[in-house]
Amino acid sequence: MPPTRRDFIATSAAATVAALFARPALARATARRQGAAPVFTPLRRNIGYFTMQGGTIGYMVNSGGVAVVDAQFPEPAKVFIAGLAERSANRPVDVLINTHHHGDHTGGNVSFRGVARKVVAQAKAAEDIHNPPGAQPPADQLYPDTTFTDAWSADVGDERIAAKFYGRAHTSGDIAVTFERANVVHMGDLLFNRRHPVVDRAAGATLRGWVRVLQGVANDHSSDTLFICGHANTNLPVVASHADVGEFRDYIGAVLAFVESQVKAGHSRAEVMAMRDPLKGFENYGRFGAEGSREMLTCAYEELTTGT
């Protein structure tokens, strides 16, 4: 039986991830979610999100402009661009913003060549798109042409878009992208909905920093802000509330506290890595030992024992 288009996209995406990430666990964790039919979901005030294969794409189409946040992989990006063109009357994308460098968020940049007028990323993320830590650079890519250190903003049509770097967290170049008038924030992989997050230690991840970043995001936004997550657990939405941001912050803090208690009790790295039971109070994140969770324990152990 010949492969379907969905099979082709899934296979292509997996190959792209493997090429962009030298670490197999990271590749599996980034590729496994949202490998379904393409779905455009409107949120509020001309902002919506797209799910298919890889990190969630955010989009805005209003009478004065078009903006996109993240790009998934090349093939899903082409599907997204075609659907976006139907919604924007074939207008170009005024700005494509990358929340960080991972291939399931930037691999599709190349599909925006000739479509996006500008590609924006935080300076460290842009550096890592050119030279991914621990992996080979992509064979073909549309790289950011506009970079910033701490903050960037622009008016696109009647919407004000602001990107902010809060510090090291999931990587050393993650940003939150706020559609200010709509009060919607695309968090990239700074926010996972009830699942163990990807923790890219080779790219500068820090759990203690992640806790501080999430608190900073919470402080900067209101109780009715909508947050677009990079990924979500099975059958859970990729849109979260202000309370969910605090819950994810508390989960990361609880992992750090657990590992710290194990280290103080004299347990070895191997004993910490043998953790399988879910954390008390955070059972909906699942058991440890699955993909993604070991990287969390590793990062926590290294931070607590080396101080970095």
Protein backbone atom coordinates (compact mmCIF):
# COMPACT_ATOMS: atom_id res chain seq x y z
CA MET A 1 0.00 0.00 0.00
CA PRO A 2 1.56 3.36 -0.99
CA PRO A 3 2.24 5.88 1.80
CA THR A 4 -0.39 8.52 2.46
CA ARG A 5 0.38 12.22 2.58
CA ARG A 6 0.11 12.06 6.36
CA ASP A 7 2.63 9.17 6.44
CA PHE A 8 4.98 11.18 4.23
CA ILE A 9 4.70 14.26 6.42
CA ALA A 10 5.25 12.29 9.61
CA THR A 11 8.27 10.47 8.13
CA SER A 12 9.73 13.68 6.75
CA ALA A 13 9.25 15.42 10.07
CA ALA A 14 10.94 12.62 11.97
CA ALA A 15 13.88 12.73 9.59
CA THR A 16 14.11 16.48 9.94
CA VAL A 17 14.15 16.25 13.72
CA ALA A 18 16.81 13.57 13.65
CA ALA A 19 18.96 15.75 11.42
CA LEU A 20 18.49 18.84 13.57
CA PHE A 21 18.96 17.14 16.94
CA ALA A 22 21.88 14.85 17.68
CA ARG A 23 20.21 13.69 20.91
CA PRO A 24 17.65 10.93 20.15
CA ALA A 25 15.50 11.56 23.24
CA LEU A 26 15.09 15.19 22.30
CA ALA A 27 14.20 14.22 18.74
CA ARG A 28 11.52 11.78 19.90
CA ALA A 29 10.02 14.23 22.37
CA THR A 30 9.77 17.05 19.85
CA ALA A 31 8.36 14.91 17.03
CA ARG A 32 5.80 12.79 18.81
CA ARG A 33 3.03 15.32 19.45
CA GLN A 34 0.49 16.92 17.16
CA GLY A 35 1.19 14.62 14.21
CA ALA A 36 -2.44 14.74 13.14
CA ALA A 37 -4.56 16.43 10.50
CA PRO A 38 -3.93 20.18 10.13
CA VAL A 39 -6.20 22.30 12.30
CA PHE A 40 -6.59 26.09 12.36
CA THR A 41 -8.20 27.28 15.59
CA PRO A 42 -9.23 30.95 16.08
CA LEU A 43 -8.83 32.45 19.56
CA ARG A 44 -9.64 36.14 19.83
CA ARG A 45 -9.18 39.39 17.88
CA ASN A 46 -7.76 37.80 14.70
CA ILE A 47 -5.29 35.58 16.59
CA GLY A 48 -5.31 31.79 16.23
CA TYR A 49 -3.11 28.72 16.32
CA PHE A 50 -2.29 25.81 14.03
CA THR A 51 -1.49 22.22 15.02
CA MET A 52 -0.19 19.42 12.86
CA GLN A 53 3.34 18.13 13.43
CA GLY A 54 5.72 19.83 15.84
CA GLY A 55 5.50 22.92 18.00
CA THR A 56 2.28 24.94 17.87
CA ILE A 57 2.19 27.75 15.28
CA GLY A 58 0.52 31.02 16.22
CA TYR A 59 -0.89 33.32 13.55
CA MET A 60 -2.56 36.70 13.14
CA VAL A 61 -4.46 37.94 10.11
CA ASN A 62 -6.05 41.39 10.26
CA SER A 63 -6.92 44.03 7.69
CA GLY A 64 -3.49 45.60 7.93
CA GLY A 65 -1.06 42.72 8.26
CA VAL A 66 -0.15 39.07 8.74
CA ALA A 67 2.13 37.63 11.44
CA VAL A 68 3.24 34.09 12.28
CA VAL A 69 4.97 32.64 15.35
CA ASP A 70 7.03 29.47 14.74
CA ALA A 71 7.07 27.24 11.69
CA GLN A 72 6.99 23.51 12.59
CA PHE A 73 8.71 21.41 9.86
CA PRO A 74 9.00 22.09 6.10
CA GLU A 75 6.06 19.94 4.96
CA PRO A 76 3.58 20.97 7.67
CA ALA A 77 4.70 24.57 7.11
CA LYS A 78 3.66 24.30 3.46
CA VAL A 79 0.23 23.05 4.54
CA PHE A 80 -0.01 25.92 7.02
CA ILE A 81 1.05 28.53 4.45
CA ALA A 82 -1.61 27.30 2.03
CA GLY A 83 -4.30 27.54 4.71
CA LEU A 84 -3.03 30.92 5.84
CA ALA A 85 -3.22 32.22 2.26
CA GLU A 86 -6.91 31.35 2.18
CA ARG A 87 -7.43 33.40 5.33
CA SER A 88 -5.27 36.36 4.28
CA ALA A 89 -6.26 36.61 0.59
CA ASN A 90 -2.71 35.54 -0.40
CA ARG A 91 -1.02 38.46 1.32
CA PRO A 92 2.64 38.03 2.33
CA VAL A 93 3.60 37.37 5.94
CA ASP A 94 4.85 40.66 7.37
CA VAL A 95 6.81 38.96 10.13
CA LEU A 96 7.71 35.38 11.10
CA ILE A 97 8.91 35.12 14.71
CA ASN A 98 10.85 32.12 16.06
CA THR A 99 10.40 31.51 19.80
CA HIS A 100 13.64 29.44 19.98
CA HIS A 101 15.91 27.37 17.74
CA HIS A 102 14.52 23.81 17.92
CA GLY A 103 13.78 22.18 14.59
CA ASP A 104 10.11 21.47 15.30
CA HIS A 105 9.66 25.25 15.61
CA THR A 106 12.10 26.50 12.96
CA GLY A 107 12.57 23.67 10.46
CA GLY A 108 9.64 25.09 8.48
CA ASN A 109 11.28 28.51 8.13
CA VAL A 110 12.63 27.42 4.77
CA SER A 111 9.06 27.05 3.47
CA PHE A 112 8.51 30.76 4.18
CA ARG A 113 11.20 31.81 1.70
CA GLY A 114 9.52 34.32 -0.60
CA VAL A 115 6.50 34.43 1.74
CA ALA A 116 7.80 36.15 4.89
CA ARG A 117 9.16 39.67 4.61
CA LYS A 118 11.04 39.47 7.91
CA VAL A 119 12.20 36.72 10.30
CA VAL A 120 12.73 37.72 13.95
CA ALA A 121 14.46 35.83 16.77
CA GLN A 122 16.34 36.50 19.98
CA ALA A 123 20.08 36.82 19.27
CA LYS A 124 21.14 33.57 21.00
CA ALA A 125 18.28 31.65 19.38
CA ALA A 126 19.33 32.99 15.97
CA GLU A 127 22.89 31.86 16.65
CA ASP A 128 21.62 28.38 17.56
CA ILE A 129 19.47 28.19 14.42
CA HIS A 130 22.68 28.69 12.43
CA ASN A 131 24.63 26.22 14.57
CA PRO A 132 22.37 23.99 16.70
CA PRO A 133 24.19 22.83 19.87
CA GLY A 134 25.14 19.18 19.52
CA ALA A 135 23.76 18.86 15.98
CA GLN A 136 24.58 19.60 12.38
CA PRO A 137 23.37 22.88 10.84
CA PRO A 138 20.40 22.42 8.48
CA ALA A 139 21.24 21.88 4.81
CA ASP A 140 18.84 24.64 3.79
CA GLN A 141 17.22 27.25 5.97
CA LEU A 142 15.65 30.70 6.05
CA TYR A 143 17.52 32.39 8.88
CA PRO A 144 16.40 35.30 11.06
CA ASP A 145 17.34 38.67 9.58
CA THR A 146 16.22 40.68 12.61
CA THR A 147 17.58 39.86 16.07
CA PHE A 148 17.37 41.42 19.53
CA THR A 149 18.82 40.88 22.98
CA ASP A 150 16.07 41.71 25.47
CA ALA A 151 12.96 42.94 23.66
CA TRP A 152 11.48 43.63 20.24
CA SER A 153 8.13 45.07 19.23
CA ALA A 154 6.25 46.22 16.14
CA ASP A 155 2.78 47.22 15.01
CA VAL A 156 1.32 44.86 12.42
CA GLY A 157 -1.96 46.22 11.23
CA ASP A 158 -3.96 47.15 14.30
CA GLU A 159 -2.09 44.75 16.60
CA ARG A 160 0.97 45.46 18.73
CA ILE A 161 3.33 42.47 18.89
CA ALA A 162 6.01 42.37 21.58
CA ALA A 163 8.68 39.69 22.06
CA LYS A 164 10.57 39.47 25.35
CA PHE A 165 13.56 37.43 26.53
CA TYR A 166 13.20 36.66 30.25
CA GLY A 167 16.40 34.61 30.63
CA ARG A 168 17.61 31.04 30.23
CA ALA A 169 14.95 28.37 30.67
CA HIS A 170 14.09 25.63 28.14
CA THR A 171 17.12 26.83 26.14
CA SER A 172 19.24 29.98 26.38
CA GLY A 173 17.22 31.86 23.74
CA ASP A 174 13.50 31.34 24.44
CA ILE A 175 11.10 34.25 24.16
CA ALA A 176 7.45 34.92 24.90
CA VAL A 177 5.55 36.68 22.10
CA THR A 178 2.61 38.84 23.18
CA PHE A 179 -0.20 40.09 20.97
CA GLU A 180 -0.89 42.99 23.29
CA ARG A 181 -4.32 44.17 22.17
CA ALA A 182 -5.63 40.61 21.88
CA ASN A 183 -4.00 39.68 25.22
CA VAL A 184 -2.67 36.41 23.79
CA VAL A 185 0.86 35.15 24.43
CA HIS A 186 2.69 32.51 22.38
CA MET A 187 5.03 30.81 24.83
CA GLY A 188 6.83 28.42 22.48
CA ASP A 189 8.39 25.69 24.62
CA LEU A 190 8.46 27.81 27.73
CA LEU A 191 5.05 26.27 28.44
CA PHE A 192 3.96 22.62 28.16
CA ASN A 193 0.43 21.62 29.15
CA ARG A 194 0.57 18.79 31.70
CA ARG A 195 3.47 16.84 30.23
CA HIS A 196 7.15 16.50 31.00
CA PRO A 197 8.88 19.25 29.02
CA VAL A 198 11.86 18.94 26.73
CA VAL A 199 14.92 20.16 28.66
CA ASP A 200 17.81 20.99 26.33
CA ARG A 201 20.75 21.14 28.71
CA ALA A 202 23.24 21.30 25.81
CA ALA A 203 21.54 24.51 24.67
CA GLY A 204 21.68 26.14 28.09
CA ALA A 205 18.53 24.86 29.79
CA THR A 206 18.17 25.59 33.50
CA LEU A 207 15.23 24.57 35.66
CA ARG A 208 15.91 27.24 38.26
CA GLY A 209 15.98 29.81 35.50
CA TRP A 210 12.77 28.36 34.04
CA VAL A 211 10.96 28.92 37.34
CA ARG A 212 12.08 32.56 37.35
CA VAL A 213 11.07 33.03 33.71
CA LEU A 214 7.57 31.65 34.27
CA GLN A 215 7.13 33.91 37.29
CA GLY A 216 8.23 36.87 35.19
CA VAL A 217 5.72 35.99 32.48
CA ALA A 218 2.96 35.61 35.08
CA ASN A 219 3.84 39.00 36.57
CA ASP A 220 3.68 40.68 33.15
CA HIS A 221 0.23 39.36 32.19
CA SER A 222 -3.29 39.38 33.56
CA SER A 223 -5.69 36.73 34.79
CA ASP A 224 -7.59 36.70 31.47
CA THR A 225 -4.51 36.32 29.23
CA LEU A 226 -4.56 33.30 26.91
CA PHE A 227 -1.27 31.42 26.56
CA ILE A 228 -0.40 29.24 23.55
CA CYS A 229 1.75 26.28 24.63
CA GLY A 230 4.45 24.75 22.48
CA HIS A 231 3.12 21.26 23.25
CA ALA A 232 0.46 19.51 25.32
CA ASN A 233 -0.11 16.05 26.69
CA THR A 234 -2.37 13.62 24.84
CA ASN A 235 -5.93 14.94 24.39
CA LEU A 236 -5.17 18.20 26.17
CA PRO A 237 -5.40 21.67 24.59
CA VAL A 238 -2.42 23.79 23.64
CA VAL A 239 -4.11 26.88 25.06
CA ALA A 240 -3.57 27.58 28.76
CA SER A 241 -4.65 30.07 31.40
CA HIS A 242 -2.71 32.35 33.70
CA ALA A 243 -3.25 29.77 36.46
CA ASP A 244 -1.75 27.06 34.21
CA VAL A 245 1.46 29.08 33.89
CA GLY A 246 1.73 29.12 37.66
CA GLU A 247 0.97 25.40 37.84
CA PHE A 248 3.75 24.58 35.37
CA ARG A 249 6.14 26.82 37.33
CA ASP A 250 5.22 24.92 40.50
CA TYR A 251 5.74 21.57 38.77
CA ILE A 252 9.29 22.49 37.74
CA GLY A 253 9.94 23.77 41.25
CA ALA A 254 8.63 20.49 42.67
CA VAL A 255 11.02 18.48 40.47
CA LEU A 256 13.92 20.59 41.73
CA ALA A 257 12.78 20.16 45.34
CA PHE A 258 12.45 16.39 44.94
CA VAL A 259 15.90 15.99 43.42
CA GLU A 260 17.40 18.27 46.06
CA SER A 261 15.91 16.04 48.79
CA GLN A 262 17.41 13.00 47.11
CA VAL A 263 20.85 14.60 46.87
CA LYS A 264 20.74 15.69 50.52
CA ALA A 265 19.79 12.12 51.47
CA GLY A 266 23.00 10.92 49.82
CA HIS A 267 21.41 9.22 46.82
CA SER A 268 23.57 8.79 43.74
CA ARG A 269 22.87 10.11 40.26
CA ALA A 270 21.84 6.60 39.18
CA GLU A 271 19.39 6.36 42.07
CA VAL A 272 17.85 9.72 41.18
CA MET A 273 17.56 8.66 37.54
CA ALA A 274 15.74 5.50 38.67
CA MET A 275 12.77 7.62 39.80
CA ARG A 276 9.57 6.28 38.20
CA ASP A 277 6.57 7.35 40.27
CA PRO A 278 4.89 10.64 39.36
CA LEU A 279 5.43 13.53 41.73
CA LYS A 280 2.80 13.85 44.42
CA GLY A 281 0.37 16.59 43.46
CA PHE A 282 1.47 16.45 39.81
CA GLU A 283 0.28 12.98 38.84
CA ASN A 284 -1.25 14.25 35.58
CA TYR A 285 2.27 14.81 34.21
CA GLY A 286 2.78 11.06 34.25
CA ARG A 287 5.45 8.71 35.50
CA PHE A 288 9.14 9.37 35.18
CA GLY A 289 11.30 7.27 32.92
CA ALA A 290 9.36 8.23 29.80
CA GLU A 291 10.88 10.41 27.10
CA GLY A 292 11.53 13.93 28.30
CA SER A 293 11.31 13.14 32.00
CA ARG A 294 14.84 11.76 32.28
CA GLU A 295 16.23 14.99 30.85
CA MET A 296 14.38 16.90 33.59
CA LEU A 297 15.92 14.77 36.33
CA THR A 298 19.35 15.01 34.72
CA CYS A 299 19.17 18.79 34.49
CA ALA A 300 17.96 19.13 38.08
CA TYR A 301 20.70 16.83 39.39
CA GLU A 302 23.43 18.65 37.47
CA GLU A 303 22.22 22.08 38.56
CA LEU A 304 22.03 21.07 42.19
CA THR A 305 25.38 19.29 42.29
CA THR A 306 27.46 21.60 40.08
CA GLY A 307 25.77 24.94 40.69
CA THR A 308 25.44 25.68 36.97
